[in-house]
């Protein structure tokens, strides 16, 4: 898996995908043999999420959906093993987000909304565990944005506005700590754009 990470970093997508596909059976087998081993489950989840992202990049959305669904299921197993592990909970919010984004790309907005609601539930618990953690704060802000965006599309403007304002406030805290971080900048811009739809 480490070699595959290097390949992706160098944008050699086809080679990286081949390596991930080679790694997948072994990762799955290891998780089956060691069902209570968090490391084995984490490796399996990472391989599935990478393959999902690559499939989505190539516009193979149904294939990506399958990988993301499987990766999410693995991360949910990890949370059962380590319910108080903030890193596991954060990884689960990312898995929900990737699946929800893919469902949205496929045009299944009801499914995406249900997925983002679950993401919000997990992210809020992560934030409540430690509101000083910028990882948890950003995860919560991302979840609020994802749910609020779909609520705006569905015409639920009042609740959507509340969520988006809350997201903007939280991501502002993250940016105070790290002004140059790309993902918080992107989320802050997205919040502003969504809120602009109400003005």
C-alpha atoms as a PDB file:
ATOM      1  CA  UNK A   1       0.000   0.000   0.000  1.00  0.00           C
ATOM      2  CA  UNK A   2       2.869   2.394   0.759  1.00  0.00           C
ATOM      3  CA  UNK A   3       4.302   1.983  -2.737  1.00  0.00           C
ATOM      4  CA  UNK A   4       0.843   2.671  -4.167  1.00  0.00           C
ATOM      5  CA  UNK A   5       0.711   5.940  -2.195  1.00  0.00           C
ATOM      6  CA  UNK A   6       3.987   7.002  -3.829  1.00  0.00           C
ATOM      7  CA  UNK A   7       2.645   6.145  -7.275  1.00  0.00           C
ATOM      8  CA  UNK A   8      -0.435   8.245  -6.736  1.00  0.00           C
ATOM      9  CA  UNK A   9       1.580  11.183  -5.453  1.00  0.00           C
ATOM     10  CA  UNK A  10       3.435  11.171  -8.779  1.00  0.00           C
ATOM     11  CA  UNK A  11       0.132  11.167 -10.678  1.00  0.00           C
ATOM     12  CA  UNK A  12       0.764   7.804 -12.288  1.00  0.00           C
ATOM     13  CA  UNK A  13      -2.845   6.853 -11.819  1.00  0.00           C
ATOM     14  CA  UNK A  14      -2.893   3.734 -13.934  1.00  0.00           C
ATOM     15  CA  UNK A  15       0.154   2.263 -12.216  1.00  0.00           C
ATOM     16  CA  UNK A  16      -1.145   3.198  -8.790  1.00  0.00           C
ATOM     17  CA  UNK A  17      -4.519   1.647  -9.524  1.00  0.00           C
ATOM     18  CA  UNK A  18      -2.845  -1.585 -10.603  1.00  0.00           C
ATOM     19  CA  UNK A  19      -0.936  -1.669  -7.319  1.00  0.00           C
ATOM     20  CA  UNK A  20      -4.063  -1.031  -5.259  1.00  0.00           C
ATOM     21  CA  UNK A  21      -5.906  -3.758  -7.141  1.00  0.00           C
ATOM     22  CA  UNK A  22      -3.035  -6.125  -6.399  1.00  0.00           C
ATOM     23  CA  UNK A  23      -3.102  -5.078  -2.743  1.00  0.00           C
ATOM     24  CA  UNK A  24      -6.863  -5.470  -2.349  1.00  0.00           C
ATOM     25  CA  UNK A  25      -7.145  -9.298  -2.078  1.00  0.00           C
ATOM     26  CA  UNK A  26      -4.309  -9.448   0.437  1.00  0.00           C
ATOM     27  CA  UNK A  27      -5.746  -6.622   2.514  1.00  0.00           C
ATOM     28  CA  UNK A  28      -9.161  -8.249   2.518  1.00  0.00           C
ATOM     29  CA  UNK A  29      -7.716 -11.646   3.409  1.00  0.00           C
ATOM     30  CA  UNK A  30      -5.685 -10.194   6.276  1.00  0.00           C
ATOM     31  CA  UNK A  31      -8.797  -8.527   7.694  1.00  0.00           C
ATOM     32  CA  UNK A  32     -10.702 -11.798   7.449  1.00  0.00           C
ATOM     33  CA  UNK A  33      -7.956 -13.705   9.250  1.00  0.00           C
ATOM     34  CA  UNK A  34      -7.565 -10.955  11.871  1.00  0.00           C
ATOM     35  CA  UNK A  35     -11.103  -9.568  12.295  1.00  0.00           C
ATOM     36  CA  UNK A  36     -10.223  -7.755  15.526  1.00  0.00           C
ATOM     37  CA  UNK A  37      -7.001  -6.236  14.240  1.00  0.00           C
ATOM     38  CA  UNK A  38      -7.487  -2.493  13.747  1.00  0.00           C
ATOM     39  CA  UNK A  39      -4.387  -2.205  11.568  1.00  0.00           C
ATOM     40  CA  UNK A  40      -5.617  -4.837   9.133  1.00  0.00           C
ATOM     41  CA  UNK A  41      -9.038  -3.206   8.913  1.00  0.00           C
ATOM     42  CA  UNK A  42      -7.510   0.235   8.413  1.00  0.00           C
ATOM     43  CA  UNK A  43      -5.328  -1.009   5.543  1.00  0.00           C
ATOM     44  CA  UNK A  44      -8.304  -2.668   3.869  1.00  0.00           C
ATOM     45  CA  UNK A  45     -10.350   0.517   4.230  1.00  0.00           C
ATOM     46  CA  UNK A  46      -7.597   2.707   2.753  1.00  0.00           C
ATOM     47  CA  UNK A  47      -7.202   0.453  -0.287  1.00  0.00           C
ATOM     48  CA  UNK A  48     -10.960   0.530  -0.931  1.00  0.00           C
ATOM     49  CA  UNK A  49     -11.165   4.310  -0.561  1.00  0.00           C
ATOM     50  CA  UNK A  50      -8.229   4.855  -2.960  1.00  0.00           C
ATOM     51  CA  UNK A  51      -9.815   2.581  -5.550  1.00  0.00           C
ATOM     52  CA  UNK A  52     -13.107   4.402  -5.135  1.00  0.00           C
ATOM     53  CA  UNK A  53     -11.466   7.783  -5.638  1.00  0.00           C
ATOM     54  CA  UNK A  54      -9.684   6.551  -8.766  1.00  0.00           C
ATOM     55  CA  UNK A  55     -12.881   5.083 -10.202  1.00  0.00           C
ATOM     56  CA  UNK A  56     -14.679   8.368  -9.549  1.00  0.00           C
ATOM     57  CA  UNK A  57     -11.843  10.272 -11.209  1.00  0.00           C
ATOM     58  CA  UNK A  58     -12.318   8.116 -14.317  1.00  0.00           C
ATOM     59  CA  UNK A  59     -16.075   8.802 -14.191  1.00  0.00           C
ATOM     60  CA  UNK A  60     -16.860   5.175 -13.307  1.00  0.00           C
ATOM     61  CA  UNK A  61     -19.367   6.260 -10.704  1.00  0.00           C
ATOM     62  CA  UNK A  62     -21.198   2.958 -10.037  1.00  0.00           C
ATOM     63  CA  UNK A  63     -17.836   1.230  -9.563  1.00  0.00           C
ATOM     64  CA  UNK A  64     -16.721   4.003  -7.219  1.00  0.00           C
ATOM     65  CA  UNK A  65     -19.958   3.684  -5.266  1.00  0.00           C
ATOM     66  CA  UNK A  66     -19.258   0.012  -4.606  1.00  0.00           C
ATOM     67  CA  UNK A  67     -15.767   0.712  -3.299  1.00  0.00           C
ATOM     68  CA  UNK A  68     -16.977   3.536  -1.066  1.00  0.00           C
ATOM     69  CA  UNK A  69     -19.800   1.422   0.357  1.00  0.00           C
ATOM     70  CA  UNK A  70     -17.381  -1.376   1.193  1.00  0.00           C
ATOM     71  CA  UNK A  71     -14.854   1.031   2.694  1.00  0.00           C
ATOM     72  CA  UNK A  72     -17.535   2.602   4.872  1.00  0.00           C
ATOM     73  CA  UNK A  73     -18.589  -0.820   6.150  1.00  0.00           C
ATOM     74  CA  UNK A  74     -14.985  -1.550   7.155  1.00  0.00           C
ATOM     75  CA  UNK A  75     -14.660   1.787   8.956  1.00  0.00           C
ATOM     76  CA  UNK A  76     -17.881   1.070  10.845  1.00  0.00           C
ATOM     77  CA  UNK A  77     -16.326  -2.200  12.017  1.00  0.00           C
ATOM     78  CA  UNK A  78     -13.281  -0.222  13.158  1.00  0.00           C
ATOM     79  CA  UNK A  79     -15.476   2.089  15.213  1.00  0.00           C
ATOM     80  CA  UNK A  80     -16.996  -0.912  16.982  1.00  0.00           C
ATOM     81  CA  UNK A  81     -13.478  -2.025  17.904  1.00  0.00           C
ATOM     82  CA  UNK A  82     -12.327   1.444  18.953  1.00  0.00           C
ATOM     83  CA  UNK A  83     -15.403   3.517  19.859  1.00  0.00           C
ATOM     84  CA  UNK A  84     -13.407   6.187  21.701  1.00  0.00           C
ATOM     85  CA  UNK A  85     -10.649   6.576  19.102  1.00  0.00           C
ATOM     86  CA  UNK A  86     -10.914  10.068  17.594  1.00  0.00           C
ATOM     87  CA  UNK A  87      -8.846   9.093  14.545  1.00  0.00           C
ATOM     88  CA  UNK A  88     -11.201   6.200  13.768  1.00  0.00           C
ATOM     89  CA  UNK A  89     -14.223   8.479  14.126  1.00  0.00           C
ATOM     90  CA  UNK A  90     -12.597  11.061  11.850  1.00  0.00           C
ATOM     91  CA  UNK A  91     -11.850   8.396   9.227  1.00  0.00           C
ATOM     92  CA  UNK A  92     -15.494   7.337   9.408  1.00  0.00           C
ATOM     93  CA  UNK A  93     -16.687  10.897   8.703  1.00  0.00           C
ATOM     94  CA  UNK A  94     -14.433  10.967   5.627  1.00  0.00           C
ATOM     95  CA  UNK A  95     -15.880   7.646   4.441  1.00  0.00           C
ATOM     96  CA  UNK A  96     -19.423   8.976   4.840  1.00  0.00           C
ATOM     97  CA  UNK A  97     -18.438  12.115   2.938  1.00  0.00           C
ATOM     98  CA  UNK A  98     -16.890  10.206   0.024  1.00  0.00           C
ATOM     99  CA  UNK A  99     -19.935   7.951  -0.245  1.00  0.00           C
ATOM    100  CA  UNK A 100     -22.349  10.882  -0.019  1.00  0.00           C
ATOM    101  CA  UNK A 101     -20.453  12.841  -2.660  1.00  0.00           C
ATOM    102  CA  UNK A 102     -20.559   9.830  -4.980  1.00  0.00           C
ATOM    103  CA  UNK A 103     -24.294   9.352  -4.409  1.00  0.00           C
ATOM    104  CA  UNK A 104     -24.764  13.033  -5.183  1.00  0.00           C
ATOM    105  CA  UNK A 105     -22.728  12.659  -8.380  1.00  0.00           C
ATOM    106  CA  UNK A 106     -25.038   9.799  -9.367  1.00  0.00           C
ATOM    107  CA  UNK A 107     -28.061  12.027  -8.799  1.00  0.00           C
ATOM    108  CA  UNK A 108     -29.387  10.085  -5.805  1.00  0.00           C
ATOM    109  CA  UNK A 109     -29.948  13.076  -3.549  1.00  0.00           C
ATOM    110  CA  UNK A 110     -32.161  11.265  -0.978  1.00  0.00           C
ATOM    111  CA  UNK A 111     -29.440   8.655  -0.435  1.00  0.00           C
ATOM    112  CA  UNK A 112     -26.764  11.359  -0.264  1.00  0.00           C
ATOM    113  CA  UNK A 113     -28.798  13.270   2.320  1.00  0.00           C
ATOM    114  CA  UNK A 114     -29.180  10.177   4.505  1.00  0.00           C
ATOM    115  CA  UNK A 115     -25.449   9.535   4.253  1.00  0.00           C
ATOM    116  CA  UNK A 116     -24.538  13.115   5.118  1.00  0.00           C
ATOM    117  CA  UNK A 117     -26.909  13.035   8.095  1.00  0.00           C
ATOM    118  CA  UNK A 118     -25.007  10.013   9.419  1.00  0.00           C
ATOM    119  CA  UNK A 119     -21.748  11.837   8.753  1.00  0.00           C
ATOM    120  CA  UNK A 120     -23.058  14.788  10.756  1.00  0.00           C
ATOM    121  CA  UNK A 121     -23.998  12.542  13.687  1.00  0.00           C
ATOM    122  CA  UNK A 122     -20.501  11.025  13.830  1.00  0.00           C
ATOM    123  CA  UNK A 123     -18.740  14.363  13.272  1.00  0.00           C
ATOM    124  CA  UNK A 124     -20.728  16.100  16.004  1.00  0.00           C
ATOM    125  CA  UNK A 125     -19.754  13.397  18.487  1.00  0.00           C
ATOM    126  CA  UNK A 126     -16.124  13.821  17.418  1.00  0.00           C
ATOM    127  CA  UNK A 127     -16.384  17.567  17.945  1.00  0.00           C
ATOM    128  CA  UNK A 128     -18.126  17.160  21.306  1.00  0.00           C
ATOM    129  CA  UNK A 129     -15.314  14.859  22.479  1.00  0.00           C
ATOM    130  CA  UNK A 130     -12.776  17.651  21.996  1.00  0.00           C
ATOM    131  CA  UNK A 131     -13.913  20.982  20.626  1.00  0.00           C
ATOM    132  CA  UNK A 132     -10.310  22.207  20.683  1.00  0.00           C
ATOM    133  CA  UNK A 133      -9.284  19.630  18.078  1.00  0.00           C
ATOM    134  CA  UNK A 134      -9.027  21.234  14.662  1.00  0.00           C
ATOM    135  CA  UNK A 135      -9.501  17.816  13.027  1.00  0.00           C
ATOM    136  CA  UNK A 136     -12.833  17.345  14.776  1.00  0.00           C
ATOM    137  CA  UNK A 137     -13.836  20.958  14.172  1.00  0.00           C
ATOM    138  CA  UNK A 138     -13.169  20.675  10.444  1.00  0.00           C
ATOM    139  CA  UNK A 139     -15.017  17.339  10.221  1.00  0.00           C
ATOM    140  CA  UNK A 140     -18.043  18.897  11.937  1.00  0.00           C
ATOM    141  CA  UNK A 141     -17.927  21.963   9.679  1.00  0.00           C
ATOM    142  CA  UNK A 142     -17.716  19.741   6.583  1.00  0.00           C
ATOM    143  CA  UNK A 143     -20.705  17.689   7.697  1.00  0.00           C
ATOM    144  CA  UNK A 144     -22.777  20.772   8.445  1.00  0.00           C
ATOM    145  CA  UNK A 145     -21.971  22.104   4.992  1.00  0.00           C
ATOM    146  CA  UNK A 146     -22.841  18.843   3.241  1.00  0.00           C
ATOM    147  CA  UNK A 147     -26.232  18.549   4.947  1.00  0.00           C
ATOM    148  CA  UNK A 148     -26.980  22.259   4.631  1.00  0.00           C
ATOM    149  CA  UNK A 149     -26.200  22.269   0.919  1.00  0.00           C
ATOM    150  CA  UNK A 150     -28.743  19.522   0.215  1.00  0.00           C
ATOM    151  CA  UNK A 151     -31.310  21.137   2.505  1.00  0.00           C
ATOM    152  CA  UNK A 152     -30.951  24.324   0.476  1.00  0.00           C
ATOM    153  CA  UNK A 153     -31.555  22.364  -2.732  1.00  0.00           C
ATOM    154  CA  UNK A 154     -34.626  20.818  -1.092  1.00  0.00           C
ATOM    155  CA  UNK A 155     -36.004  24.248  -0.235  1.00  0.00           C
ATOM    156  CA  UNK A 156     -35.370  24.040   3.521  1.00  0.00           C
ATOM    157  CA  UNK A 157     -33.789  27.458   3.572  1.00  0.00           C
ATOM    158  CA  UNK A 158     -34.108  28.277   7.280  1.00  0.00           C
ATOM    159  CA  UNK A 159     -32.421  25.168   8.643  1.00  0.00           C
ATOM    160  CA  UNK A 160     -29.901  25.172   5.779  1.00  0.00           C
ATOM    161  CA  UNK A 161     -28.875  28.738   6.576  1.00  0.00           C
ATOM    162  CA  UNK A 162     -28.335  27.862  10.246  1.00  0.00           C
ATOM    163  CA  UNK A 163     -26.116  24.920   9.353  1.00  0.00           C
ATOM    164  CA  UNK A 164     -24.078  26.849   6.804  1.00  0.00           C
ATOM    165  CA  UNK A 165     -23.514  29.768   9.158  1.00  0.00           C
ATOM    166  CA  UNK A 166     -22.384  27.331  11.832  1.00  0.00           C
ATOM    167  CA  UNK A 167     -20.060  25.650   9.317  1.00  0.00           C
ATOM    168  CA  UNK A 168     -18.578  28.997   8.311  1.00  0.00           C
ATOM    169  CA  UNK A 169     -17.939  29.925  11.939  1.00  0.00           C
ATOM    170  CA  UNK A 170     -16.240  26.609  12.688  1.00  0.00           C
ATOM    171  CA  UNK A 171     -14.062  26.604   9.597  1.00  0.00           C
ATOM    172  CA  UNK A 172     -13.054  30.154  10.479  1.00  0.00           C
ATOM    173  CA  UNK A 173     -11.609  28.779  13.735  1.00  0.00           C
ATOM    174  CA  UNK A 174      -9.654  26.184  11.763  1.00  0.00           C
ATOM    175  CA  UNK A 175      -8.257  28.841   9.452  1.00  0.00           C
ATOM    176  CA  UNK A 176      -7.119  30.930  12.402  1.00  0.00           C
ATOM    177  CA  UNK A 177      -4.874  28.018  13.389  1.00  0.00           C
ATOM    178  CA  UNK A 178      -3.662  27.280   9.856  1.00  0.00           C
ATOM    179  CA  UNK A 179      -4.461  30.118   7.410  1.00  0.00           C
ATOM    180  CA  UNK A 180      -2.787  28.430   4.437  1.00  0.00           C
ATOM    181  CA  UNK A 181      -4.449  25.003   4.660  1.00  0.00           C
ATOM    182  CA  UNK A 182      -6.185  24.339   1.335  1.00  0.00           C
ATOM    183  CA  UNK A 183      -9.213  22.304   2.449  1.00  0.00           C
ATOM    184  CA  UNK A 184     -10.468  24.845   5.022  1.00  0.00           C
ATOM    185  CA  UNK A 185     -10.072  27.642   2.471  1.00  0.00           C
ATOM    186  CA  UNK A 186     -12.116  25.639  -0.034  1.00  0.00           C
ATOM    187  CA  UNK A 187     -14.830  24.879   2.516  1.00  0.00           C
ATOM    188  CA  UNK A 188     -15.014  28.491   3.633  1.00  0.00           C
ATOM    189  CA  UNK A 189     -15.492  29.620   0.027  1.00  0.00           C
ATOM    190  CA  UNK A 190     -18.174  26.977  -0.484  1.00  0.00           C
ATOM    191  CA  UNK A 191     -20.007  28.160   2.645  1.00  0.00           C
ATOM    192  CA  UNK A 192     -19.928  31.733   1.380  1.00  0.00           C
ATOM    193  CA  UNK A 193     -21.229  30.681  -2.032  1.00  0.00           C
ATOM    194  CA  UNK A 194     -24.065  28.644  -0.521  1.00  0.00           C
ATOM    195  CA  UNK A 195     -25.034  31.447   1.848  1.00  0.00           C
ATOM    196  CA  UNK A 196     -24.963  33.842  -1.084  1.00  0.00           C
ATOM    197  CA  UNK A 197     -27.864  31.916  -2.576  1.00  0.00           C
ATOM    198  CA  UNK A 198     -30.076  33.205   0.240  1.00  0.00           C
ATOM    199  CA  UNK A 199     -29.142  36.853  -0.226  1.00  0.00           C
END
